[in-house]
Structures are given as structure tokens and as C-alpha cells.
């Protein structure tokens, strides 16, 4: 009886999950086992090469070009996915049309599709004898353009799903009020629709960029893997491992980790600033 009385006292709420101490302990344990310990092992292994080893890795023109291809195409693909992801999400939310539910389900297909299957499909589509690649004199597959298209394919669902719930929350009466006050369509988009979507757009960009940087399976089928042309950094790491150059592979991986962390930190800072600015729009 006393226990029942205590449970309904003001200020006492029974949590559905374990207490903070237990939950926090599990959080740190699994975070350490899954994320921190592997990264620490990578850093420890790469430290064996020393600063001179990192300078030697970065001085290699092949490594620099592979890093540029990986991060450059990933940035372009994430940007493209963010723009077209917004348009796709807008259509799925605001319009009713036959096959809408099917189209909404197809957006998630890159999530479930094995990357090797996606790579084979893209190679068959954009290859020299493919349905699309065969119509172009300039080769699409086996070039950075093919890598870019593959990365857009795998990154698009992240851009759509992060902004779609925010579009659903926008009250259409606000748009009607803006139109009643004489606002043009472009001004309504820029001042009414886009501001509350900015945090979601940045989140989708971060997720798309992260997925694109680490993508491997679907890219190697359309990249051609030509040094100084279409070779990506993850593939170069695999090549180093096949050559039993563990130190070189870990050094490249550490450089990728540092660049990825710096890029994500910068994007997250921009995202936090945008949320402070547009969070109450």
C-alpha cells in the first residue's frame, strides 16, 4: 500500500527504462566496444608509421587523387541527393497520385539492396553497352561520373527520410496566409517553407555524405578502379592490405578518418547554428 502511495506522489515518475546509472553504463560499454575500441586500435596501428610515414602517404600522388575522388564525389552526391531528396519528399507528402505508396517504398530500396547487386545494376545501366551508357559517346561508367551516380543512388534515401517528416508538419494554412498577403511563390518558398526545413536538410546532407564516403560495394563495379582516374580511397586501402602493406593501409584509413571527422564536425556546427536560428520558425 505504501509503495502504491509513493508511486503517485507528485514529482515521482516511474521510468519505462532502467535508471540512469545502468542505462549510462550500458551506453558507454557498447559505445566503447563497437566504436571507440576499433577506432583506438586503428590509431594505435597507424601510429607505428610515425609522422614521416603519414607525410610519405600524403606525398603519394595516387593516394591524394584517390582521396580527392572519394571526398569530392561524395560531397557532390550528397548535395545532389539533398536537392532532389527535398523535391521527392515534397511530392510524396503534398500530392496524391496512383502508385504513391509504391513510390514511397521504392525510396527505401537502396537501404535493403545489397551493395554488390546495386553495383551490378548500375554497371549494366551506365556501362558502355548499357541502356543509358550506350547512348553516350563519352563513357559514364569507369569514370568519376559513374562513381557520382552510384553515390547519389545510395545516399538519396537519407535525404528524403530526414526532411519528409518536417514537410508533413508544415501547416498549409501558413502558405495560404502568405499568398493572401500577396507573397509570390518564390518568396513563400524562401521565407515560409525552407526555414523550418533547413535543419532537416543539413541532417540529410550529413547522413548522405557519411554514407557516400564509406561506400564501397556498389562503387567498385562502376568506378573502373583506374589509378589517377577513378580509384577511390577505400579500394586503395584494400589494395594495400592485399599487398600486406598494413601500415600503409592504416595510414590511409587514418587520413580518411581525420578528414571525415573534420568535415562532419564542420557540418554539425553549421547544423547547430541553423537550428538555433530556425528552430522556432
Protein backbone atom coordinates (compact mmCIF):
# COMPACT_ATOMS: atom_id res chain seq x y z
CA UNK A 1 0.00 0.00 0.00
CA UNK A 2 2.82 2.35 0.90
CA UNK A 3 4.58 1.52 -2.32
CA UNK A 4 1.43 2.31 -4.29
CA UNK A 5 1.06 5.61 -2.48
CA UNK A 6 4.65 6.55 -3.21
CA UNK A 7 4.19 5.81 -6.90
CA UNK A 8 1.53 8.50 -7.26
CA UNK A 9 3.23 11.20 -5.20
CA UNK A 10 3.84 14.45 -7.12
CA UNK A 11 7.30 14.66 -8.67
CA UNK A 12 7.80 10.88 -8.70
CA UNK A 13 7.70 9.42 -12.19
CA UNK A 14 8.32 5.81 -12.95
CA UNK A 15 10.57 5.42 -15.98
CA UNK A 16 9.90 2.73 -18.55
CA UNK A 17 13.64 2.14 -18.97
CA UNK A 18 16.27 1.30 -16.32
CA UNK A 19 17.75 4.01 -14.16
CA UNK A 20 20.32 6.48 -15.40
CA UNK A 21 23.29 4.65 -13.89
CA UNK A 22 22.50 1.31 -15.52
CA UNK A 23 21.49 2.82 -18.87
CA UNK A 24 24.54 5.09 -18.91
CA UNK A 25 26.81 2.13 -18.13
CA UNK A 26 25.39 0.07 -20.98
CA UNK A 27 25.69 3.08 -23.29
CA UNK A 28 29.37 3.58 -22.55
CA UNK A 29 30.09 -0.16 -22.73
CA UNK A 30 28.55 -0.72 -26.14
CA UNK A 31 29.81 2.59 -27.48
CA UNK A 32 33.30 1.59 -26.42
CA UNK A 33 33.10 -1.94 -27.82
CA UNK A 34 31.54 -1.01 -31.13
CA UNK A 35 33.05 2.42 -31.89
CA UNK A 36 35.81 3.61 -29.60
CA UNK A 37 37.93 0.47 -29.26
CA UNK A 38 38.09 -0.23 -33.05
CA UNK A 39 39.00 3.40 -33.71
CA UNK A 40 41.60 3.32 -30.97
CA UNK A 41 43.09 0.16 -32.47
CA UNK A 42 43.27 1.88 -35.86
CA UNK A 43 45.01 4.91 -34.40
CA UNK A 44 47.47 2.77 -32.45
CA UNK A 45 48.32 0.71 -35.52
CA UNK A 46 48.74 3.77 -37.72
CA UNK A 47 50.96 5.46 -35.12
CA UNK A 48 53.62 2.85 -35.91
CA UNK A 49 54.42 4.63 -39.18
CA UNK A 50 55.10 7.93 -37.39
CA UNK A 51 54.73 11.43 -38.78
CA UNK A 52 57.21 10.67 -41.54
CA UNK A 53 55.04 7.78 -42.66
CA UNK A 54 51.95 10.00 -42.86
CA UNK A 55 53.89 12.59 -44.83
CA UNK A 56 55.00 9.86 -47.20
CA UNK A 57 51.43 8.67 -47.62
CA UNK A 58 50.13 12.17 -48.33
CA UNK A 59 53.02 12.82 -50.71
CA UNK A 60 51.90 9.92 -52.89
CA UNK A 61 50.04 11.37 -55.87
CA UNK A 62 47.96 8.22 -56.20
CA UNK A 63 46.74 8.47 -52.61
CA UNK A 64 45.94 12.17 -52.92
CA UNK A 65 43.97 11.61 -56.10
CA UNK A 66 42.04 8.71 -54.54
CA UNK A 67 41.15 10.86 -51.53
CA UNK A 68 40.07 13.69 -53.80
CA UNK A 69 37.86 11.36 -55.85
CA UNK A 70 36.28 9.86 -52.72
CA UNK A 71 35.53 13.08 -50.87
CA UNK A 72 34.83 15.22 -53.94
CA UNK A 73 32.28 12.84 -55.45
CA UNK A 74 30.76 12.19 -52.01
CA UNK A 75 30.23 15.91 -51.42
CA UNK A 76 28.70 16.39 -54.87
CA UNK A 77 26.49 13.31 -54.46
CA UNK A 78 25.29 14.42 -51.00
CA UNK A 79 24.48 17.88 -52.33
CA UNK A 80 22.57 16.45 -55.27
CA UNK A 81 20.73 13.97 -53.06
CA UNK A 82 19.72 16.79 -50.69
CA UNK A 83 18.21 18.87 -53.50
CA UNK A 84 16.35 16.07 -55.24
CA UNK A 85 15.52 14.41 -51.93
CA UNK A 86 13.65 17.57 -50.93
CA UNK A 87 11.69 17.53 -54.19
CA UNK A 88 10.84 13.84 -53.85
CA UNK A 89 9.77 14.24 -50.23
CA UNK A 90 7.61 17.23 -51.16
CA UNK A 91 5.81 15.28 -53.88
CA UNK A 92 5.27 12.25 -51.64
CA UNK A 93 3.81 14.38 -48.86
CA UNK A 94 1.79 17.00 -50.72
CA UNK A 95 0.33 15.13 -53.69
CA UNK A 96 -1.94 12.14 -54.11
CA UNK A 97 -1.34 10.07 -57.24
CA UNK A 98 -1.67 6.44 -58.33
CA UNK A 99 1.22 4.36 -57.06
CA UNK A 100 2.20 6.87 -54.37
CA UNK A 101 2.70 4.20 -51.72
CA UNK A 102 4.80 2.14 -54.11
CA UNK A 103 6.96 5.16 -54.91
CA UNK A 104 7.33 5.86 -51.21
CA UNK A 105 8.51 2.28 -50.63
CA UNK A 106 10.93 2.38 -53.57
CA UNK A 107 12.78 5.27 -51.89
CA UNK A 108 13.96 2.85 -49.22
CA UNK A 109 15.15 0.24 -51.71
CA UNK A 110 18.85 1.29 -51.54
CA UNK A 111 18.69 0.62 -47.79
CA UNK A 112 17.82 -3.05 -48.28
CA UNK A 113 19.51 -3.74 -51.60
CA UNK A 114 22.92 -5.43 -51.28
CA UNK A 115 25.61 -3.06 -52.47
CA UNK A 116 27.02 -5.64 -54.90
CA UNK A 117 23.60 -6.02 -56.53
CA UNK A 118 23.30 -2.23 -56.79
CA UNK A 119 26.77 -2.06 -58.37
CA UNK A 120 25.96 -4.69 -60.97
CA UNK A 121 22.68 -2.95 -61.82
CA UNK A 122 24.39 0.44 -62.17
CA UNK A 123 27.17 -1.04 -64.29
CA UNK A 124 24.60 -2.66 -66.58
CA UNK A 125 22.78 0.66 -66.83
CA UNK A 126 25.69 3.07 -67.29
CA UNK A 127 28.28 0.75 -68.84
CA UNK A 128 29.47 1.15 -72.45
CA UNK A 129 26.84 -1.34 -73.60
CA UNK A 130 24.24 -0.34 -71.01
CA UNK A 131 20.76 1.05 -71.57
CA UNK A 132 21.93 4.60 -70.83
CA UNK A 133 25.69 4.39 -71.20
CA UNK A 134 25.42 3.07 -74.73
CA UNK A 135 23.79 6.30 -75.93
CA UNK A 136 26.73 8.48 -74.89
CA UNK A 137 29.98 8.71 -76.77
CA UNK A 138 31.77 9.72 -73.59
CA UNK A 139 31.93 6.86 -71.14
CA UNK A 140 29.85 7.19 -67.95
CA UNK A 141 30.90 4.05 -66.13
CA UNK A 142 34.54 3.65 -65.12
CA UNK A 143 34.85 7.42 -64.58
CA UNK A 144 34.26 9.77 -61.61
CA UNK A 145 30.84 10.49 -63.14
CA UNK A 146 29.89 6.84 -62.67
CA UNK A 147 31.07 7.00 -59.06
CA UNK A 148 28.99 10.13 -58.53
CA UNK A 149 25.83 8.47 -59.90
CA UNK A 150 26.36 5.39 -57.73
CA UNK A 151 26.80 7.55 -54.62
CA UNK A 152 23.66 9.54 -55.39
CA UNK A 153 21.78 6.24 -55.62
CA UNK A 154 22.88 5.05 -52.17
CA UNK A 155 22.62 8.48 -50.49
CA UNK A 156 19.21 9.60 -51.74
CA UNK A 157 17.07 7.77 -49.12
CA UNK A 158 18.82 9.58 -46.27
CA UNK A 159 18.00 12.97 -47.78
CA UNK A 160 14.35 12.03 -48.37
CA UNK A 161 13.60 10.47 -45.00
CA UNK A 162 15.14 13.22 -42.88
CA UNK A 163 13.16 16.03 -44.47
CA UNK A 164 9.88 14.20 -45.12
CA UNK A 165 8.55 14.39 -41.51
CA UNK A 166 9.31 18.12 -41.40
CA UNK A 167 7.29 18.74 -44.56
CA UNK A 168 4.36 16.85 -43.01
CA UNK A 169 4.45 19.25 -40.03
CA UNK A 170 4.22 22.42 -42.16
CA UNK A 171 0.69 23.81 -41.92
CA UNK A 172 -0.72 24.58 -45.34
CA UNK A 173 -2.66 27.46 -43.85
CA UNK A 174 0.63 29.33 -43.41
CA UNK A 175 1.25 29.10 -47.15
CA UNK A 176 -2.30 30.24 -47.85
CA UNK A 177 -1.86 33.17 -45.49
CA UNK A 178 1.36 34.18 -47.25
CA UNK A 179 -0.41 34.03 -50.61
CA UNK A 180 -3.29 36.09 -49.23
CA UNK A 181 -0.83 38.76 -48.10
CA UNK A 182 0.50 38.99 -51.64
CA UNK A 183 3.63 36.89 -51.31
CA UNK A 184 4.90 35.34 -54.53
CA UNK A 185 5.56 31.62 -54.80
CA UNK A 186 9.33 32.09 -54.72
CA UNK A 187 9.13 34.35 -51.68
CA UNK A 188 6.80 31.92 -49.93
CA UNK A 189 9.28 29.10 -50.56
CA UNK A 190 12.25 31.13 -49.31
CA UNK A 191 10.60 32.70 -46.25
CA UNK A 192 7.90 30.24 -45.18
CA UNK A 193 8.75 26.73 -46.38
CA UNK A 194 12.54 26.47 -46.41
CA UNK A 195 13.47 27.93 -42.96
CA UNK A 196 11.88 25.11 -40.90
CA UNK A 197 13.35 22.56 -43.30
CA UNK A 198 16.96 23.77 -43.04
CA UNK A 199 17.91 21.57 -40.01
CA UNK A 200 16.45 18.51 -41.72
CA UNK A 201 18.21 19.32 -44.97
CA UNK A 202 21.55 19.61 -43.19
CA UNK A 203 20.94 16.38 -41.29
CA UNK A 204 20.14 14.60 -44.54
CA UNK A 205 23.26 16.06 -46.12
CA UNK A 206 25.42 14.82 -43.22
CA UNK A 207 23.96 11.31 -43.40
CA UNK A 208 24.22 11.19 -47.20
CA UNK A 209 27.82 12.43 -47.14
CA UNK A 210 28.78 9.91 -44.45
CA UNK A 211 27.23 7.02 -46.37
CA UNK A 212 28.83 8.12 -49.65
CA UNK A 213 32.34 8.42 -48.19
CA UNK A 214 32.22 4.91 -46.81
CA UNK A 215 30.51 3.28 -49.80
CA UNK A 216 32.49 0.50 -51.44
CA UNK A 217 30.42 -2.38 -52.79
CA UNK A 218 28.30 -0.52 -55.33
CA UNK A 219 31.12 1.81 -56.43
CA UNK A 220 33.79 -0.67 -57.47
CA UNK A 221 31.54 -2.05 -60.23
CA UNK A 222 31.14 1.33 -61.94
CA UNK A 223 34.39 3.03 -60.94
CA UNK A 224 36.73 1.11 -63.20
CA UNK A 225 39.32 1.43 -60.41
CA UNK A 226 41.85 3.17 -62.66
CA UNK A 227 44.71 4.81 -60.72
CA UNK A 228 44.75 8.61 -61.06
CA UNK A 229 41.35 8.46 -62.79
CA UNK A 230 38.58 6.64 -60.91
CA UNK A 231 40.25 4.91 -57.98
CA UNK A 232 38.58 5.54 -54.62
CA UNK A 233 40.37 5.60 -51.28
CA UNK A 234 38.55 2.56 -49.77
CA UNK A 235 39.67 0.47 -52.75
CA UNK A 236 43.24 1.69 -52.31
CA UNK A 237 43.10 0.54 -48.69
CA UNK A 238 42.01 -2.93 -49.85
CA UNK A 239 44.87 -2.97 -52.39
CA UNK A 240 47.35 -2.10 -49.64
CA UNK A 241 46.01 -4.92 -47.50
CA UNK A 242 46.29 -7.38 -50.39
CA UNK A 243 49.93 -6.32 -50.71
CA UNK A 244 50.39 -6.92 -46.96
CA UNK A 245 51.17 -3.23 -46.50
CA UNK A 246 49.26 -2.98 -43.22
CA UNK A 247 50.98 0.22 -42.17
CA UNK A 248 50.14 1.94 -45.46
CA UNK A 249 46.52 0.79 -45.32
CA UNK A 250 46.05 2.00 -41.73
CA UNK A 251 47.74 5.32 -42.56
CA UNK A 252 45.31 5.95 -45.44
CA UNK A 253 42.41 4.88 -43.24
CA UNK A 254 43.53 7.28 -40.51
CA UNK A 255 43.78 10.14 -43.00
CA UNK A 256 40.25 9.34 -44.20
CA UNK A 257 39.07 9.23 -40.59
CA UNK A 258 40.61 12.63 -39.84
CA UNK A 259 39.17 14.26 -42.96
CA UNK A 260 35.74 12.71 -42.36
CA UNK A 261 35.71 13.82 -38.72
CA UNK A 262 36.73 17.38 -39.63
CA UNK A 263 34.08 17.57 -42.37
CA UNK A 264 31.32 16.17 -40.15
CA UNK A 265 32.33 18.45 -37.27
CA UNK A 266 32.10 21.50 -39.55
CA UNK A 267 28.73 20.40 -40.94
CA UNK A 268 27.38 19.70 -37.44
CA UNK A 269 28.46 23.15 -36.27
CA UNK A 270 26.62 24.69 -39.20
CA UNK A 271 23.64 22.47 -38.41
CA UNK A 272 23.61 23.57 -34.75
CA UNK A 273 23.78 27.22 -35.79
CA UNK A 274 20.88 26.73 -38.20
CA UNK A 275 18.78 25.07 -35.51
CA UNK A 276 19.37 27.99 -33.14
CA UNK A 277 18.35 30.37 -35.90
CA UNK A 278 15.41 28.49 -37.41
CA UNK A 279 14.37 26.27 -34.52
CA UNK A 280 11.46 28.47 -33.55
CA UNK A 281 10.35 29.48 -37.02
